[in-house]
Amino acid sequence: MNLHRTLFGGALFCMLALLSATVSALQIPGPLVDTQWLRDNLDKVSVLDVRMDIKSFMKKGRRAAAMNPCGVPSRQKGPRKTVGHIPGAVLVPWKKVTTKRKIEGKEIKALLPDKEAFERLMQKSGVDNDSALVITSKGDGVVHTALATRLYWTLKYFGFDNVALLDGGTAQWIKDKRKVEFGKPRRVGKGDFKATAERTELLASMEDVMKLAEQQPPEQLVDVRSTAEYLGLTASGKVAPEGKGHIPGAKSLPVTLFANAQGPATFYGKDQLRQVAALLEVDIEQPTVFMCTAGVFASLTWFATHEILGNRDTRVYDGSMHEWSHFGKPVVSMKIE
């Protein structure tokens, strides 16, 4: 009898301890965290570092010679690009975050991955369903921040909420004189991450955007590419040659107005974001679909409006101008709407 009581008591203690650990798991305080918060909680979170440039995660870099205004190298050294990584960070290669697939015989790139592929990526990165995640990037420019927001958006799409972005990324971490490490990515155990939802309300399809191009209200379409791309003066290589310009009815709000383009690419304040949008006649509180070249920069403006400013009626057009132009849909050039 005593033995049974002892075994039962031991099992009950373990169960309560496990329950307590689950309940006390760290809850991320909001969509953005700064380097001080991350330093104070580094042992309680998993840091995912998403990069295109894998070598910069591992190797120390050299400063390039600075250029004077005439384009001639000077004796002074230029700014050091971000190299190394936050201690314990797990490298997430950018090429794994999106996928390409054929739609009606046309290959469209940088699309949302299917559920199984994304589960494998997160499991390989050591992510559990009860993890507390902080996503970082190199942070040297807005493009790096967009890689991080795209991963964040994808996690949200598949039902994971206990996640934040490190404002300014690893560039801000280094600027604040925090410790960095070099070397190959550390090995992590396989996580148990499983997608718990598919939040289609965060995603806009080409069919959705076609309806917007015809009707517009009550939802607005916002193009966050550069003004030159919006006007059709230039275009990314992903855009079909005949697709220069913008989708009819789309408003222009360049992504570089959301975060510091000079780096570290920290987000501007809430009041500044609202003021900039108002100056360009974009109603930041209105239901909105954001688009760009291939849905990556659009995820940054979605993050700013949906997560920071609290407009829950915002979506990302995943295929964006890459898909739109390759299907020969109408475009408007040399016109601001």
Protein backbone atom coordinates (compact mmCIF):
# COMPACT_ATOMS: atom_id res chain seq x y z
CA MET A 1 0.00 0.00 0.00
CA ASN A 2 2.81 2.41 0.96
CA LEU A 3 4.61 1.51 -2.23
CA HIS A 4 1.52 2.32 -4.28
CA ARG A 5 1.13 5.62 -2.46
CA THR A 6 4.77 6.43 -3.11
CA LEU A 7 4.47 5.62 -6.83
CA PHE A 8 1.20 7.51 -7.13
CA GLY A 9 2.66 10.49 -5.31
CA GLY A 10 5.73 10.49 -7.53
CA ALA A 11 3.64 10.32 -10.69
CA LEU A 12 1.38 13.11 -9.44
CA PHE A 13 4.41 15.28 -8.61
CA CYS A 14 5.86 14.78 -12.11
CA MET A 15 2.52 15.57 -13.73
CA LEU A 16 2.12 18.75 -11.68
CA ALA A 17 5.70 19.79 -12.44
CA LEU A 18 5.11 19.29 -16.16
CA LEU A 19 1.87 21.24 -15.98
CA SER A 20 3.60 24.02 -14.09
CA ALA A 21 6.38 24.20 -16.68
CA THR A 22 3.82 24.48 -19.46
CA VAL A 23 1.84 27.19 -17.72
CA SER A 24 4.96 29.16 -16.82
CA ALA A 25 6.40 29.11 -20.36
CA LEU A 26 7.56 32.60 -21.28
CA GLN A 27 4.97 34.68 -23.11
CA ILE A 28 6.36 37.12 -25.67
CA PRO A 29 5.35 40.68 -24.62
CA GLY A 30 4.42 41.97 -28.08
CA PRO A 31 5.28 41.84 -31.78
CA LEU A 32 8.56 43.77 -31.31
CA VAL A 33 11.26 43.34 -28.70
CA ASP A 34 14.46 45.33 -28.26
CA THR A 35 17.96 44.06 -27.60
CA GLN A 36 17.74 44.74 -23.85
CA TRP A 37 14.67 42.54 -23.51
CA LEU A 38 16.26 39.79 -25.60
CA ARG A 39 19.49 39.89 -23.60
CA ASP A 40 17.53 39.58 -20.36
CA ASN A 41 15.52 36.63 -21.69
CA LEU A 42 18.00 34.94 -24.02
CA ASP A 43 17.96 31.73 -21.98
CA LYS A 44 14.16 31.52 -22.13
CA VAL A 45 13.55 31.97 -25.88
CA SER A 46 14.58 30.39 -29.16
CA VAL A 47 16.15 32.82 -31.61
CA LEU A 48 15.62 32.16 -35.31
CA ASP A 49 18.00 34.04 -37.62
CA VAL A 50 16.68 34.14 -41.20
CA ARG A 51 19.25 35.04 -43.87
CA MET A 52 20.02 34.89 -47.56
CA ASP A 53 23.73 35.29 -46.90
CA ILE A 54 24.59 32.12 -44.98
CA LYS A 55 28.33 32.91 -44.79
CA SER A 56 27.71 36.10 -42.84
CA PHE A 57 26.19 34.01 -40.04
CA MET A 58 29.44 32.08 -39.62
CA LYS A 59 32.44 34.17 -40.67
CA LYS A 60 33.97 37.43 -39.56
CA GLY A 61 33.95 40.05 -42.31
CA ARG A 62 36.31 42.76 -43.43
CA ARG A 63 35.47 46.40 -43.91
CA ALA A 64 35.48 47.52 -47.50
CA ALA A 65 37.19 50.74 -48.49
CA ALA A 66 34.85 53.72 -48.26
CA MET A 67 34.06 55.61 -51.47
CA ASN A 68 34.30 59.37 -51.70
CA PRO A 69 31.60 61.33 -53.60
CA CYS A 70 33.54 60.97 -56.85
CA GLY A 71 33.51 57.18 -56.58
CA VAL A 72 37.22 56.86 -55.74
CA PRO A 73 38.22 54.60 -52.83
CA SER A 74 39.52 56.52 -49.83
CA ARG A 75 41.98 55.46 -47.14
CA GLN A 76 39.24 55.21 -44.59
CA LYS A 77 37.34 51.99 -44.10
CA GLY A 78 33.63 51.80 -44.86
CA PRO A 79 30.94 50.50 -42.52
CA ARG A 80 31.21 46.88 -41.47
CA LYS A 81 28.35 44.73 -42.70
CA THR A 82 26.67 42.61 -40.07
CA VAL A 83 28.47 39.32 -39.52
CA GLY A 84 28.16 36.74 -36.79
CA HIS A 85 25.05 35.86 -34.86
CA ILE A 86 23.35 36.23 -31.51
CA PRO A 87 24.52 33.50 -29.07
CA GLY A 88 22.42 30.38 -29.49
CA ALA A 89 20.62 31.61 -32.62
CA VAL A 90 19.42 28.97 -35.09
CA LEU A 91 20.04 29.71 -38.76
CA VAL A 92 16.96 29.55 -41.00
CA PRO A 93 18.03 29.70 -44.68
CA TRP A 94 15.80 32.13 -46.55
CA LYS A 95 15.37 29.81 -49.54
CA LYS A 96 13.49 27.40 -47.27
CA VAL A 97 10.94 29.97 -46.05
CA THR A 98 9.05 30.31 -49.36
CA THR A 99 8.40 27.93 -52.21
CA LYS A 100 7.67 27.92 -55.92
CA ARG A 101 4.88 26.08 -57.64
CA LYS A 102 3.24 25.86 -61.02
CA ILE A 103 -0.12 27.56 -61.38
CA GLU A 104 -1.87 26.83 -64.66
CA GLY A 105 1.48 25.92 -66.20
CA LYS A 106 3.29 29.06 -64.99
CA GLU A 107 6.03 28.83 -62.35
CA ILE A 108 5.38 31.34 -59.58
CA LYS A 109 8.11 31.92 -56.99
CA ALA A 110 8.31 33.03 -53.35
CA LEU A 111 4.92 31.61 -52.39
CA LEU A 112 3.63 30.44 -49.03
CA PRO A 113 4.91 26.88 -48.46
CA ASP A 114 2.48 24.05 -47.85
CA LYS A 115 1.80 23.05 -44.27
CA GLU A 116 3.93 19.91 -44.27
CA ALA A 117 7.01 21.67 -45.71
CA PHE A 118 6.77 24.48 -43.16
CA GLU A 119 6.33 22.01 -40.30
CA ARG A 120 9.52 20.24 -41.40
CA LEU A 121 11.44 23.52 -41.54
CA MET A 122 10.35 24.58 -38.06
CA GLN A 123 10.95 21.12 -36.60
CA LYS A 124 14.46 21.10 -38.10
CA SER A 125 14.97 24.52 -36.48
CA GLY A 126 14.11 23.04 -33.07
CA VAL A 127 10.76 24.79 -32.72
CA ASP A 128 8.13 23.27 -30.43
CA ASN A 129 4.51 24.30 -30.22
CA ASP A 130 5.16 25.75 -26.76
CA SER A 131 8.36 27.59 -27.77
CA ALA A 132 8.82 31.32 -27.24
CA LEU A 133 10.34 32.62 -30.48
CA VAL A 134 12.24 35.74 -31.41
CA ILE A 135 13.03 36.22 -35.11
CA THR A 136 16.06 38.22 -36.18
CA SER A 137 17.77 38.99 -39.47
CA LYS A 138 21.00 40.73 -40.43
CA GLY A 139 19.13 43.99 -39.97
CA ASP A 140 21.43 46.08 -42.18
CA GLY A 141 18.52 47.24 -44.31
CA VAL A 142 14.79 47.03 -44.90
CA VAL A 143 15.24 43.98 -47.14
CA HIS A 144 16.57 41.98 -44.19
CA THR A 145 13.71 43.06 -41.97
CA ALA A 146 11.31 41.91 -44.70
CA LEU A 147 12.81 38.41 -44.58
CA ALA A 148 12.08 38.33 -40.86
CA THR A 149 8.52 39.65 -41.22
CA ARG A 150 7.80 37.09 -43.93
CA LEU A 151 8.80 34.26 -41.58
CA TYR A 152 6.75 35.90 -38.82
CA TRP A 153 3.71 36.19 -41.13
CA THR A 154 4.06 32.53 -42.13
CA LEU A 155 4.18 31.41 -38.49
CA LYS A 156 1.05 33.46 -37.81
CA TYR A 157 -0.66 32.00 -40.87
CA PHE A 158 -0.07 28.49 -39.53
CA GLY A 159 -1.42 29.34 -36.09
CA PHE A 160 1.71 30.12 -34.05
CA ASP A 161 1.39 33.27 -31.92
CA ASN A 162 4.14 33.30 -29.25
CA VAL A 163 6.62 35.10 -31.49
CA ALA A 164 8.24 38.53 -31.86
CA LEU A 165 10.70 40.33 -34.10
CA LEU A 166 13.95 41.77 -32.79
CA ASP A 167 13.70 45.43 -33.79
CA GLY A 168 16.71 46.27 -35.94
CA GLY A 169 17.83 42.66 -36.06
CA THR A 170 21.38 41.54 -35.38
CA ALA A 171 22.74 44.89 -36.64
CA GLN A 172 21.02 46.60 -33.71
CA TRP A 173 22.27 43.87 -31.35
CA ILE A 174 25.83 44.61 -32.44
CA LYS A 175 25.29 48.38 -32.33
CA ASP A 176 24.18 48.01 -28.71
CA LYS A 177 27.47 46.20 -28.01
CA ARG A 178 25.95 42.81 -27.29
CA LYS A 179 27.99 39.64 -27.61
CA VAL A 180 28.04 37.83 -30.98
CA GLU A 181 29.28 34.41 -31.96
CA PHE A 182 30.78 32.97 -35.13
CA GLY A 183 31.04 29.50 -36.57
CA LYS A 184 28.68 26.93 -37.99
CA PRO A 185 25.06 26.88 -36.88
CA ARG A 186 24.59 24.86 -33.72
CA ARG A 187 22.78 21.58 -33.93
CA VAL A 188 19.39 21.49 -32.32
CA GLY A 189 17.08 18.64 -31.50
CA LYS A 190 14.06 18.09 -33.68
CA GLY A 191 11.11 20.17 -32.53
CA ASP A 192 7.51 19.04 -32.33
CA PHE A 193 6.04 22.03 -34.21
CA LYS A 194 2.71 21.36 -35.88
CA ALA A 195 0.55 23.86 -37.72
CA THR A 196 -2.57 24.43 -35.64
CA ALA A 197 -4.45 26.56 -38.18
CA GLU A 198 -4.41 27.99 -41.66
CA ARG A 199 -5.49 31.59 -41.26
CA THR A 200 -6.66 32.32 -44.77
CA GLU A 201 -7.84 35.76 -43.62
CA LEU A 202 -4.17 36.84 -43.70
CA LEU A 203 -3.74 35.85 -47.35
CA ALA A 204 -5.07 37.40 -50.56
CA SER A 205 -5.20 35.49 -53.84
CA MET A 206 -4.99 36.82 -57.39
CA GLU A 207 -8.75 36.33 -57.66
CA ASP A 208 -9.26 38.51 -54.57
CA VAL A 209 -7.09 41.24 -56.06
CA MET A 210 -8.87 41.06 -59.41
CA LYS A 211 -12.11 41.91 -57.60
CA LEU A 212 -10.36 44.79 -55.84
CA ALA A 213 -9.04 46.13 -59.13
CA GLU A 214 -12.61 46.26 -60.39
CA GLN A 215 -14.43 47.46 -57.25
CA GLN A 216 -11.91 48.84 -54.69
CA PRO A 217 -14.11 49.81 -51.68
CA PRO A 218 -14.45 48.77 -48.94
CA GLU A 219 -10.93 47.26 -49.16
CA GLN A 220 -7.93 49.17 -50.48
CA LEU A 221 -4.98 47.76 -52.41
CA VAL A 222 -1.59 49.21 -51.45
CA ASP A 223 1.60 48.72 -53.50
CA VAL A 224 4.70 49.03 -51.30
CA ARG A 225 7.36 48.90 -54.02
CA SER A 226 9.44 51.93 -54.88
CA THR A 227 7.81 54.87 -56.64
CA ALA A 228 9.82 54.09 -59.79
CA GLU A 229 8.42 50.55 -59.86
CA TYR A 230 4.91 51.77 -59.11
CA LEU A 231 5.08 54.22 -62.05
CA GLY A 232 6.49 51.58 -64.39
CA LEU A 233 9.88 53.19 -64.89
CA THR A 234 11.63 50.03 -63.75
CA ALA A 235 10.78 46.59 -62.42
CA SER A 236 12.30 43.60 -60.69
CA GLY A 237 13.41 40.69 -62.83
CA LYS A 238 10.53 38.69 -61.38
CA VAL A 239 8.04 40.98 -63.16
CA ALA A 240 7.18 40.14 -66.77
CA PRO A 241 8.46 42.86 -69.20
CA GLU A 242 4.93 43.85 -70.18
CA GLY A 243 3.94 44.09 -66.52
CA LYS A 244 5.74 47.32 -65.60
CA GLY A 245 3.52 49.59 -63.57
CA HIS A 246 0.91 48.83 -60.92
CA ILE A 247 -2.42 47.07 -60.55
CA PRO A 248 -5.34 49.39 -61.42
CA GLY A 249 -6.55 51.27 -58.36
CA ALA A 250 -3.53 50.45 -56.19
CA LYS A 251 -2.21 53.20 -53.93
CA SER A 252 1.50 53.77 -53.42
CA LEU A 253 3.15 53.54 -49.99
CA PRO A 254 6.85 52.56 -50.34
CA VAL A 255 8.09 50.05 -47.78
CA THR A 256 11.18 52.18 -47.07
CA LEU A 257 8.88 54.61 -45.20
CA PHE A 258 8.11 51.98 -42.56
CA ALA A 259 11.61 51.20 -41.26
CA ASN A 260 14.97 52.95 -41.25
CA ALA A 261 16.46 52.30 -44.69
CA GLN A 262 19.93 53.35 -43.53
CA GLY A 263 20.14 50.58 -40.93
CA PRO A 264 19.87 49.14 -38.44
CA ALA A 265 16.41 48.79 -39.93
CA THR A 266 14.34 49.59 -36.86
CA PHE A 267 10.66 50.37 -37.31
CA TYR A 268 9.50 53.97 -37.10
CA GLY A 269 7.14 54.94 -34.28
CA LYS A 270 3.38 54.49 -34.44
CA ASP A 271 2.69 58.18 -34.88
CA GLN A 272 5.23 58.45 -37.67
CA LEU A 273 3.74 55.44 -39.47
CA ARG A 274 0.28 56.97 -39.31
CA GLN A 275 1.52 60.38 -40.47
CA VAL A 276 3.41 58.99 -43.45
CA ALA A 277 0.42 56.94 -44.56
CA ALA A 278 -1.85 59.98 -44.28
CA LEU A 279 0.54 62.11 -46.35
CA LEU A 280 0.30 59.55 -49.14
CA GLU A 281 -3.48 59.36 -48.75
CA VAL A 282 -3.54 55.79 -47.49
CA ASP A 283 -6.07 55.08 -44.74
CA ILE A 284 -4.06 52.95 -42.35
CA GLU A 285 -7.24 51.90 -40.49
CA GLN A 286 -9.09 50.67 -43.59
CA PRO A 287 -9.22 46.99 -44.66
CA THR A 288 -6.15 46.58 -46.85
CA VAL A 289 -4.34 44.16 -49.12
CA PHE A 290 -0.60 44.83 -49.33
CA MET A 291 1.41 43.81 -52.37
CA CYS A 292 4.92 44.21 -53.78
CA THR A 293 6.98 42.18 -56.24
CA ALA A 294 6.60 38.75 -54.65
CA GLY A 295 4.90 39.19 -51.27
CA VAL A 296 8.03 39.67 -49.15
CA PHE A 297 8.17 43.44 -48.65
CA ALA A 298 4.37 43.36 -48.37
CA SER A 299 4.78 41.24 -45.23
CA LEU A 300 6.73 44.10 -43.61
CA THR A 301 3.93 46.61 -44.17
CA TRP A 302 1.42 43.98 -43.03
CA PHE A 303 3.46 43.55 -39.84
CA ALA A 304 3.53 47.30 -39.21
CA THR A 305 -0.22 47.75 -39.69
CA HIS A 306 -1.60 44.43 -38.41
CA GLU A 307 0.76 43.81 -35.51
CA ILE A 308 2.09 47.23 -34.45
CA LEU A 309 -0.89 49.46 -35.29
CA GLY A 310 -3.55 46.84 -34.63
CA ASN A 311 -5.48 46.85 -37.92
CA ARG A 312 -6.62 43.21 -37.96
CA ASP A 313 -8.22 43.51 -41.38
CA THR A 314 -5.05 43.44 -43.47
CA ARG A 315 -3.77 40.79 -45.87
CA VAL A 316 -0.75 39.98 -48.03
CA TYR A 317 -1.10 39.29 -51.75
CA ASP A 318 1.34 36.40 -51.87
CA GLY A 319 1.95 36.26 -55.63
CA SER A 320 1.99 40.06 -56.03
CA MET A 321 3.30 41.58 -59.30
CA HIS A 322 5.29 38.44 -60.09
CA GLU A 323 2.11 36.41 -60.44
CA TRP A 324 -0.07 39.26 -61.72
CA SER A 325 2.28 40.17 -64.58
CA HIS A 326 2.96 36.59 -65.68
CA PHE A 327 -0.76 36.03 -66.09
CA GLY A 328 -1.00 39.12 -68.28
CA LYS A 329 -3.32 41.04 -65.97
CA PRO A 330 -3.85 44.78 -66.65
CA VAL A 331 -1.41 47.35 -65.31
CA VAL A 332 -1.32 51.13 -65.09
CA SER A 333 1.86 53.17 -65.59
CA MET A 334 2.92 56.79 -65.12
CA LYS A 335 -0.07 57.51 -62.91
CA ILE A 336 -0.44 57.97 -59.15
CA GLU A 337 -3.80 56.81 -57.82
